[in-house]
PDB file of N, CA and C in Angstrom:
ATOM      1  N   MET A   1      28.788  -3.163  -6.898  1.00  0.00           N
ATOM      2  CA  MET A   1      27.769  -2.434  -7.342  1.00  0.00           C
ATOM      3  C   MET A   1      26.922  -2.780  -6.022  1.00  0.00           C
ATOM      4  N   ALA A   2      25.922  -1.709  -5.830  1.00  0.00           N
ATOM      5  CA  ALA A   2      25.045  -1.683  -4.794  1.00  0.00           C
ATOM      6  C   ALA A   2      23.901  -2.695  -5.357  1.00  0.00           C
ATOM      7  N   ALA A   3      23.383  -3.383  -4.156  1.00  0.00           N
ATOM      8  CA  ALA A   3      22.036  -4.412  -4.667  1.00  0.00           C
ATOM      9  C   ALA A   3      20.735  -3.377  -4.683  1.00  0.00           C
ATOM     10  N   TRP A   4      19.801  -3.662  -5.542  1.00  0.00           N
ATOM     11  CA  TRP A   4      18.751  -3.020  -5.941  1.00  0.00           C
ATOM     12  C   TRP A   4      17.695  -3.469  -4.776  1.00  0.00           C
ATOM     13  N   LYS A   5      17.112  -2.463  -4.441  1.00  0.00           N
ATOM     14  CA  LYS A   5      15.939  -2.683  -3.190  1.00  0.00           C
ATOM     15  C   LYS A   5      14.592  -1.939  -3.257  1.00  0.00           C
ATOM     16  N   PRO A   6      13.708  -2.424  -3.714  1.00  0.00           N
ATOM     17  CA  PRO A   6      12.246  -1.964  -3.780  1.00  0.00           C
ATOM     18  C   PRO A   6      12.320  -0.898  -2.554  1.00  0.00           C
ATOM     19  N   VAL A   7      11.196  -0.076  -2.844  1.00  0.00           N
ATOM     20  CA  VAL A   7      11.069   1.065  -1.790  1.00  0.00           C
ATOM     21  C   VAL A   7       9.580   0.652  -1.580  1.00  0.00           C
ATOM     22  N   ALA A   8       8.487   0.306  -2.315  1.00  0.00           N
ATOM     23  CA  ALA A   8       7.368  -0.247  -2.014  1.00  0.00           C
ATOM     24  C   ALA A   8       6.994  -1.202  -3.089  1.00  0.00           C
ATOM     25  N   LEU A   9       5.558  -1.947  -2.726  1.00  0.00           N
ATOM     26  CA  LEU A   9       5.117  -2.702  -3.927  1.00  0.00           C
ATOM     27  C   LEU A   9       3.770  -2.508  -4.228  1.00  0.00           C
ATOM     28  N   ILE A  10       3.286  -2.502  -5.211  1.00  0.00           N
ATOM     29  CA  ILE A  10       1.793  -2.376  -5.824  1.00  0.00           C
ATOM     30  C   ILE A  10       1.814  -3.762  -5.964  1.00  0.00           C
ATOM     31  N   TYR A  11       0.368  -4.326  -4.946  1.00  0.00           N
ATOM     32  CA  TYR A  11      -0.329  -4.925  -4.922  1.00  0.00           C
ATOM     33  C   TYR A  11      -1.197  -5.257  -5.707  1.00  0.00           C
ATOM     34  N   THR A  12      -1.473  -5.923  -6.841  1.00  0.00           N
ATOM     35  CA  THR A  12      -2.577  -6.169  -7.817  1.00  0.00           C
ATOM     36  C   THR A  12      -3.512  -7.316  -7.904  1.00  0.00           C
ATOM     37  N   ASP A  13      -4.573  -7.139  -7.471  1.00  0.00           N
ATOM     38  CA  ASP A  13      -5.525  -8.629  -7.664  1.00  0.00           C
ATOM     39  C   ASP A  13      -5.996  -8.646  -9.061  1.00  0.00           C
ATOM     40  N   ILE A  14      -5.545  -9.202 -10.037  1.00  0.00           N
ATOM     41  CA  ILE A  14      -5.478  -9.013 -11.118  1.00  0.00           C
ATOM     42  C   ILE A  14      -7.104  -9.455 -12.049  1.00  0.00           C
ATOM     43  N   SER A  15      -7.493 -10.633 -10.628  1.00  0.00           N
ATOM     44  CA  SER A  15      -8.956 -11.162 -11.392  1.00  0.00           C
ATOM     45  C   SER A  15      -9.622  -9.774 -10.628  1.00  0.00           C
ATOM     46  N   ARG A  16      -9.358  -9.102  -9.889  1.00  0.00           N
ATOM     47  CA  ARG A  16     -10.308  -7.930  -9.776  1.00  0.00           C
ATOM     48  C   ARG A  16      -9.991  -6.634 -10.551  1.00  0.00           C
ATOM     49  N   ASP A  17      -8.789  -6.217 -10.840  1.00  0.00           N
ATOM     50  CA  ASP A  17      -8.457  -5.323 -11.837  1.00  0.00           C
ATOM     51  C   ASP A  17      -9.432  -4.493 -12.906  1.00  0.00           C
ATOM     52  N   GLY A  18     -10.090  -3.577 -12.875  1.00  0.00           N
ATOM     53  CA  GLY A  18     -10.898  -2.987 -13.835  1.00  0.00           C
ATOM     54  C   GLY A  18     -12.372  -3.629 -13.718  1.00  0.00           C
ATOM     55  N   VAL A  19     -12.455  -4.562 -12.760  1.00  0.00           N
ATOM     56  CA  VAL A  19     -13.995  -4.594 -12.640  1.00  0.00           C
ATOM     57  C   VAL A  19     -14.580  -4.176 -11.705  1.00  0.00           C
ATOM     58  N   LYS A  20     -14.196  -3.425 -10.595  1.00  0.00           N
ATOM     59  CA  LYS A  20     -14.736  -2.955  -9.596  1.00  0.00           C
ATOM     60  C   LYS A  20     -15.838  -3.705  -8.776  1.00  0.00           C
ATOM     61  N   THR A  21     -15.045  -5.043  -8.186  1.00  0.00           N
ATOM     62  CA  THR A  21     -15.612  -5.976  -7.315  1.00  0.00           C
ATOM     63  C   THR A  21     -15.663  -5.728  -5.888  1.00  0.00           C
ATOM     64  N   GLY A  22     -14.434  -4.841  -5.659  1.00  0.00           N
ATOM     65  CA  GLY A  22     -14.030  -4.541  -4.124  1.00  0.00           C
ATOM     66  C   GLY A  22     -12.565  -5.116  -4.157  1.00  0.00           C
ATOM     67  N   VAL A  23     -11.843  -4.128  -3.503  1.00  0.00           N
ATOM     68  CA  VAL A  23     -10.386  -4.701  -3.092  1.00  0.00           C
ATOM     69  C   VAL A  23     -10.256  -5.791  -2.158  1.00  0.00           C
ATOM     70  N   ASN A  24      -9.179  -6.411  -2.606  1.00  0.00           N
ATOM     71  CA  ASN A  24      -9.093  -7.930  -2.021  1.00  0.00           C
ATOM     72  C   ASN A  24      -8.401  -7.267  -0.469  1.00  0.00           C
ATOM     73  N   VAL A  25      -9.215  -6.897   0.509  1.00  0.00           N
ATOM     74  CA  VAL A  25      -8.132  -6.675   1.654  1.00  0.00           C
ATOM     75  C   VAL A  25      -7.522  -7.672   2.127  1.00  0.00           C
ATOM     76  N   GLU A  26      -8.300  -8.968   2.390  1.00  0.00           N
ATOM     77  CA  GLU A  26      -7.344 -10.293   3.192  1.00  0.00           C
ATOM     78  C   GLU A  26      -6.002 -10.065   2.436  1.00  0.00           C
ATOM     79  N   ALA A  27      -5.759 -10.643   1.003  1.00  0.00           N
ATOM     80  CA  ALA A  27      -4.371 -10.751   0.384  1.00  0.00           C
ATOM     81  C   ALA A  27      -3.562  -9.653   0.679  1.00  0.00           C
ATOM     82  N   THR A  28      -4.186  -8.169   0.393  1.00  0.00           N
ATOM     83  CA  THR A  28      -3.271  -7.110   0.697  1.00  0.00           C
ATOM     84  C   THR A  28      -2.956  -7.296   2.250  1.00  0.00           C
ATOM     85  N   ARG A  29      -3.527  -7.591   3.092  1.00  0.00           N
ATOM     86  CA  ARG A  29      -3.021  -7.631   4.445  1.00  0.00           C
ATOM     87  C   ARG A  29      -1.970  -8.752   4.562  1.00  0.00           C
ATOM     88  N   ALA A  30      -2.188  -9.844   4.088  1.00  0.00           N
ATOM     89  CA  ALA A  30      -1.548 -11.164   3.966  1.00  0.00           C
ATOM     90  C   ALA A  30      -0.099 -10.530   3.494  1.00  0.00           C
ATOM     91  N   LEU A  31       0.159  -9.567   2.248  1.00  0.00           N
ATOM     92  CA  LEU A  31       1.473  -9.428   1.643  1.00  0.00           C
ATOM     93  C   LEU A  31       2.056  -8.426   2.767  1.00  0.00           C
ATOM     94  N   ALA A  32       1.143  -7.364   3.087  1.00  0.00           N
ATOM     95  CA  ALA A  32       1.916  -6.604   4.249  1.00  0.00           C
ATOM     96  C   ALA A  32       2.727  -7.214   5.345  1.00  0.00           C
ATOM     97  N   GLU A  33       2.155  -8.198   5.718  1.00  0.00           N
ATOM     98  CA  GLU A  33       2.256  -9.102   6.858  1.00  0.00           C
ATOM     99  C   GLU A  33       3.958  -9.687   6.639  1.00  0.00           C
ATOM    100  N   ALA A  34       3.788 -10.013   5.259  1.00  0.00           N
ATOM    101  CA  ALA A  34       4.911 -10.863   4.753  1.00  0.00           C
ATOM    102  C   ALA A  34       6.617  -9.912   4.414  1.00  0.00           C
ATOM    103  N   VAL A  35       6.077  -8.774   4.056  1.00  0.00           N
ATOM    104  CA  VAL A  35       7.114  -8.169   3.632  1.00  0.00           C
ATOM    105  C   VAL A  35       7.710  -7.198   4.704  1.00  0.00           C
ATOM    106  N   SER A  36       8.731  -6.219   4.159  1.00  0.00           N
ATOM    107  CA  SER A  36       9.169  -5.376   5.252  1.00  0.00           C
ATOM    108  C   SER A  36       9.177  -3.996   4.380  1.00  0.00           C
ATOM    109  N   VAL A  37       8.638  -3.808   3.422  1.00  0.00           N
ATOM    110  CA  VAL A  37       8.548  -2.656   2.344  1.00  0.00           C
ATOM    111  C   VAL A  37       6.789  -2.346   2.457  1.00  0.00           C
ATOM    112  N   PRO A  38       6.574  -0.915   2.251  1.00  0.00           N
ATOM    113  CA  PRO A  38       5.363  -0.447   1.981  1.00  0.00           C
ATOM    114  C   PRO A  38       4.551  -0.942   1.175  1.00  0.00           C
ATOM    115  N   VAL A  39       3.182  -1.189   1.176  1.00  0.00           N
ATOM    116  CA  VAL A  39       2.639  -1.987  -0.217  1.00  0.00           C
ATOM    117  C   VAL A  39       1.228  -0.714  -0.444  1.00  0.00           C
ATOM    118  N   ILE A  40       1.033  -0.972  -1.661  1.00  0.00           N
ATOM    119  CA  ILE A  40       0.072  -0.102  -2.463  1.00  0.00           C
ATOM    120  C   ILE A  40      -0.977  -1.175  -2.723  1.00  0.00           C
ATOM    121  N   ALA A  41      -2.040  -0.624  -2.387  1.00  0.00           N
ATOM    122  CA  ALA A  41      -3.421  -1.699  -3.083  1.00  0.00           C
ATOM    123  C   ALA A  41      -3.459  -1.080  -4.363  1.00  0.00           C
ATOM    124  N   SER A  42      -4.413  -2.229  -5.058  1.00  0.00           N
ATOM    125  CA  SER A  42      -4.784  -2.242  -6.337  1.00  0.00           C
ATOM    126  C   SER A  42      -5.587  -3.168  -6.781  1.00  0.00           C
ATOM    127  N   GLY A  43      -6.942  -2.981  -7.623  1.00  0.00           N
ATOM    128  CA  GLY A  43      -7.467  -3.775  -7.949  1.00  0.00           C
ATOM    129  C   GLY A  43      -8.789  -4.294  -7.470  1.00  0.00           C
ATOM    130  N   GLY A  44      -9.766  -3.705  -8.202  1.00  0.00           N
ATOM    131  CA  GLY A  44     -11.106  -4.023  -7.863  1.00  0.00           C
ATOM    132  C   GLY A  44     -12.275  -2.617  -7.140  1.00  0.00           C
ATOM    133  N   VAL A  45     -11.230  -1.778  -6.607  1.00  0.00           N
ATOM    134  CA  VAL A  45     -11.622  -0.523  -5.837  1.00  0.00           C
ATOM    135  C   VAL A  45     -12.851   0.116  -6.641  1.00  0.00           C
ATOM    136  N   ARG A  46     -13.851   0.104  -5.973  1.00  0.00           N
ATOM    137  CA  ARG A  46     -15.253   0.751  -6.651  1.00  0.00           C
ATOM    138  C   ARG A  46     -15.989   1.717  -6.142  1.00  0.00           C
ATOM    139  N   SER A  47     -15.404   2.134  -4.565  1.00  0.00           N
ATOM    140  CA  SER A  47     -16.146   2.870  -3.826  1.00  0.00           C
ATOM    141  C   SER A  47     -15.127   3.737  -2.764  1.00  0.00           C
ATOM    142  N   LEU A  48     -15.469   4.608  -2.335  1.00  0.00           N
ATOM    143  CA  LEU A  48     -14.883   5.280  -0.717  1.00  0.00           C
ATOM    144  C   LEU A  48     -14.784   4.245   0.283  1.00  0.00           C
ATOM    145  N   GLU A  49     -16.057   2.976   0.233  1.00  0.00           N
ATOM    146  CA  GLU A  49     -15.668   2.144   1.300  1.00  0.00           C
ATOM    147  C   GLU A  49     -14.345   1.080   0.694  1.00  0.00           C
ATOM    148  N   ASP A  50     -13.743   0.803  -0.059  1.00  0.00           N
ATOM    149  CA  ASP A  50     -12.980   0.339  -0.361  1.00  0.00           C
ATOM    150  C   ASP A  50     -11.568   0.880   0.350  1.00  0.00           C
ATOM    151  N   ILE A  51     -11.553   2.233   0.315  1.00  0.00           N
ATOM    152  CA  ILE A  51     -10.445   2.841   1.119  1.00  0.00           C
ATOM    153  C   ILE A  51     -10.574   2.669   2.355  1.00  0.00           C
ATOM    154  N   ARG A  52     -11.822   2.837   2.939  1.00  0.00           N
ATOM    155  CA  ARG A  52     -12.248   2.536   4.259  1.00  0.00           C
ATOM    156  C   ARG A  52     -11.834   1.162   4.993  1.00  0.00           C
ATOM    157  N   ALA A  53     -11.689   0.565   4.266  1.00  0.00           N
ATOM    158  CA  ALA A  53     -11.577  -0.791   4.641  1.00  0.00           C
ATOM    159  C   ALA A  53     -10.147  -1.110   4.578  1.00  0.00           C
ATOM    160  N   LEU A  54      -9.388  -0.432   3.657  1.00  0.00           N
ATOM    161  CA  LEU A  54      -7.704  -0.379   3.698  1.00  0.00           C
ATOM    162  C   LEU A  54      -7.090   0.367   4.920  1.00  0.00           C
ATOM    163  N   LYS A  55      -7.986   1.376   5.418  1.00  0.00           N
ATOM    164  CA  LYS A  55      -7.360   1.854   6.247  1.00  0.00           C
ATOM    165  C   LYS A  55      -6.586   1.424   7.629  1.00  0.00           C
ATOM    166  N   PRO A  56      -7.547   0.233   8.001  1.00  0.00           N
ATOM    167  CA  PRO A  56      -6.973  -0.280   9.251  1.00  0.00           C
ATOM    168  C   PRO A  56      -5.456  -0.982   8.999  1.00  0.00           C
ATOM    169  N   LEU A  57      -5.007  -1.232   7.527  1.00  0.00           N
ATOM    170  CA  LEU A  57      -4.081  -1.877   7.292  1.00  0.00           C
ATOM    171  C   LEU A  57      -2.900  -0.743   7.136  1.00  0.00           C
ATOM    172  N   GLN A  58      -3.103   0.383   7.558  1.00  0.00           N
ATOM    173  CA  GLN A  58      -1.742   1.221   7.611  1.00  0.00           C
ATOM    174  C   GLN A  58      -0.910   1.117   8.524  1.00  0.00           C
ATOM    175  N   PRO A  59      -1.193   0.650   9.785  1.00  0.00           N
ATOM    176  CA  PRO A  59      -0.141   0.312  10.429  1.00  0.00           C
ATOM    177  C   PRO A  59       0.535  -1.013  10.180  1.00  0.00           C
ATOM    178  N   LEU A  60       0.217  -1.425   9.104  1.00  0.00           N
ATOM    179  CA  LEU A  60       1.293  -3.034   8.808  1.00  0.00           C
ATOM    180  C   LEU A  60       1.939  -2.122   7.568  1.00  0.00           C
ATOM    181  N   GLY A  61       1.774  -1.306   7.067  1.00  0.00           N
ATOM    182  CA  GLY A  61       2.201  -1.102   6.127  1.00  0.00           C
ATOM    183  C   GLY A  61       1.897  -0.320   4.665  1.00  0.00           C
ATOM    184  N   VAL A  62       0.504  -0.598   4.347  1.00  0.00           N
ATOM    185  CA  VAL A  62      -0.194  -0.138   3.565  1.00  0.00           C
ATOM    186  C   VAL A  62      -0.409   1.242   3.558  1.00  0.00           C
ATOM    187  N   ILE A  63       0.142   1.906   2.290  1.00  0.00           N
ATOM    188  CA  ILE A  63       0.441   3.069   2.406  1.00  0.00           C
ATOM    189  C   ILE A  63      -0.371   3.967   1.572  1.00  0.00           C
ATOM    190  N   GLY A  64      -0.919   3.193   0.338  1.00  0.00           N
ATOM    191  CA  GLY A  64      -1.871   3.696  -0.681  1.00  0.00           C
ATOM    192  C   GLY A  64      -2.717   2.594  -1.348  1.00  0.00           C
ATOM    193  N   VAL A  65      -3.584   3.162  -2.475  1.00  0.00           N
ATOM    194  CA  VAL A  65      -4.448   2.363  -3.128  1.00  0.00           C
ATOM    195  C   VAL A  65      -4.423   3.437  -4.427  1.00  0.00           C
ATOM    196  N   ILE A  66      -4.545   2.239  -5.459  1.00  0.00           N
ATOM    197  CA  ILE A  66      -4.862   2.808  -6.984  1.00  0.00           C
ATOM    198  C   ILE A  66      -6.292   2.603  -7.412  1.00  0.00           C
ATOM    199  N   ILE A  67      -7.012   4.102  -7.494  1.00  0.00           N
ATOM    200  CA  ILE A  67      -8.336   3.788  -7.669  1.00  0.00           C
ATOM    201  C   ILE A  67      -8.748   3.794  -9.012  1.00  0.00           C
ATOM    202  N   GLY A  68      -7.739   3.851  -9.916  1.00  0.00           N
ATOM    203  CA  GLY A  68      -8.062   4.029 -11.350  1.00  0.00           C
ATOM    204  C   GLY A  68      -9.193   3.977 -11.893  1.00  0.00           C
ATOM    205  N   ARG A  69      -9.851   2.867 -12.480  1.00  0.00           N
ATOM    206  CA  ARG A  69     -11.631   2.637 -13.313  1.00  0.00           C
ATOM    207  C   ARG A  69     -11.921   3.656 -12.297  1.00  0.00           C
ATOM    208  N   ALA A  70     -12.354   3.090 -11.122  1.00  0.00           N
ATOM    209  CA  ALA A  70     -13.653   3.778 -10.357  1.00  0.00           C
ATOM    210  C   ALA A  70     -13.418   5.532 -10.427  1.00  0.00           C
ATOM    211  N   LEU A  71     -12.197   5.847 -10.298  1.00  0.00           N
ATOM    212  CA  LEU A  71     -11.756   7.671 -10.555  1.00  0.00           C
ATOM    213  C   LEU A  71     -12.438   7.942 -11.991  1.00  0.00           C
ATOM    214  N   TYR A  72     -12.119   7.096 -12.910  1.00  0.00           N
ATOM    215  CA  TYR A  72     -12.286   7.406 -14.535  1.00  0.00           C
ATOM    216  C   TYR A  72     -13.569   7.169 -14.838  1.00  0.00           C
ATOM    217  N   ASP A  73     -14.294   6.146 -14.133  1.00  0.00           N
ATOM    218  CA  ASP A  73     -16.308   6.217 -14.472  1.00  0.00           C
ATOM    219  C   ASP A  73     -16.981   7.117 -13.221  1.00  0.00           C
ATOM    220  N   GLY A  74     -15.931   7.903 -12.607  1.00  0.00           N
ATOM    221  CA  GLY A  74     -17.032   8.863 -11.823  1.00  0.00           C
ATOM    222  C   GLY A  74     -17.527   8.180 -10.425  1.00  0.00           C
ATOM    223  N   LEU A  75     -17.173   7.044 -10.097  1.00  0.00           N
ATOM    224  CA  LEU A  75     -17.706   6.430  -8.839  1.00  0.00           C
ATOM    225  C   LEU A  75     -17.158   6.902  -7.493  1.00  0.00           C
ATOM    226  N   ILE A  76     -15.682   7.524  -7.843  1.00  0.00           N
ATOM    227  CA  ILE A  76     -15.045   7.903  -6.516  1.00  0.00           C
ATOM    228  C   ILE A  76     -14.642   9.354  -7.093  1.00  0.00           C
ATOM    229  N   ASP A  77     -14.961  10.523  -5.954  1.00  0.00           N
ATOM    230  CA  ASP A  77     -14.427  11.643  -5.892  1.00  0.00           C
ATOM    231  C   ASP A  77     -13.652  11.926  -5.450  1.00  0.00           C
ATOM    232  N   LEU A  78     -12.241  12.529  -6.617  1.00  0.00           N
ATOM    233  CA  LEU A  78     -10.782  12.056  -6.079  1.00  0.00           C
ATOM    234  C   LEU A  78     -10.735  13.517  -4.384  1.00  0.00           C
ATOM    235  N   THR A  79     -11.429  14.187  -4.872  1.00  0.00           N
ATOM    236  CA  THR A  79     -11.397  15.137  -3.478  1.00  0.00           C
ATOM    237  C   THR A  79     -11.565  14.268  -2.186  1.00  0.00           C
ATOM    238  N   GLU A  80     -12.804  13.682  -2.121  1.00  0.00           N
ATOM    239  CA  GLU A  80     -12.931  12.876  -1.202  1.00  0.00           C
ATOM    240  C   GLU A  80     -12.075  11.954  -0.782  1.00  0.00           C
ATOM    241  N   ALA A  81     -11.625  10.930  -1.733  1.00  0.00           N
ATOM    242  CA  ALA A  81     -11.066   9.980  -1.524  1.00  0.00           C
ATOM    243  C   ALA A  81      -9.809  10.900  -0.645  1.00  0.00           C
ATOM    244  N   ILE A  82      -9.066  11.592  -1.108  1.00  0.00           N
ATOM    245  CA  ILE A  82      -7.728  12.234  -0.623  1.00  0.00           C
ATOM    246  C   ILE A  82      -8.097  12.737   0.968  1.00  0.00           C
ATOM    247  N   HIS A  83      -9.171  13.133   0.838  1.00  0.00           N
ATOM    248  CA  HIS A  83      -9.618  13.768   2.386  1.00  0.00           C
ATOM    249  C   HIS A  83      -9.637  12.500   3.445  1.00  0.00           C
ATOM    250  N   LEU A  84     -10.289  11.431   2.608  1.00  0.00           N
ATOM    251  CA  LEU A  84     -10.301  10.147   3.571  1.00  0.00           C
ATOM    252  C   LEU A  84      -9.290   9.491   4.221  1.00  0.00           C
ATOM    253  N   ALA A  85      -8.287   9.315   2.781  1.00  0.00           N
ATOM    254  CA  ALA A  85      -7.012   9.011   3.314  1.00  0.00           C
ATOM    255  C   ALA A  85      -6.238   9.798   4.242  1.00  0.00           C
ATOM    256  N   GLN A  86      -6.273  10.854   4.198  1.00  0.00           N
ATOM    257  CA  GLN A  86      -5.668  11.679   5.129  1.00  0.00           C
ATOM    258  C   GLN A  86      -6.020  11.702   6.382  1.00  0.00           C
ATOM    259  N   THR A  87      -7.550  11.376   7.070  1.00  0.00           N
ATOM    260  CA  THR A  87      -8.293  11.549   8.111  1.00  0.00           C
ATOM    261  C   THR A  87      -7.619  10.467   8.773  1.00  0.00           C
ATOM    262  N   PRO A  88      -7.263  10.578   9.903  1.00  0.00           N
ATOM    263  CA  PRO A  88      -7.002   9.344  10.814  1.00  0.00           C
ATOM    264  C   PRO A  88      -8.133   8.741  11.379  1.00  0.00           C
TER     265      PRO A  88
END
């Protein structure tokens, strides 16, 4: 039987999840540096600034961000977020 291997990790800072206090960039960086699989950040996202703050972590393997509550509450425009994420 083949061993199970994750293809990515979702890192959620549960102390920030749903409260829109800003993404935990440093903890996301630390995880990305410690593992060999891609990381998706989650928890605390409140604006496009959080996506901008995570973009420098792309070379470390941070491949995405979950914007949940900020999207639901209308604080982030999905089209703008996608454009920002795809812009080098």
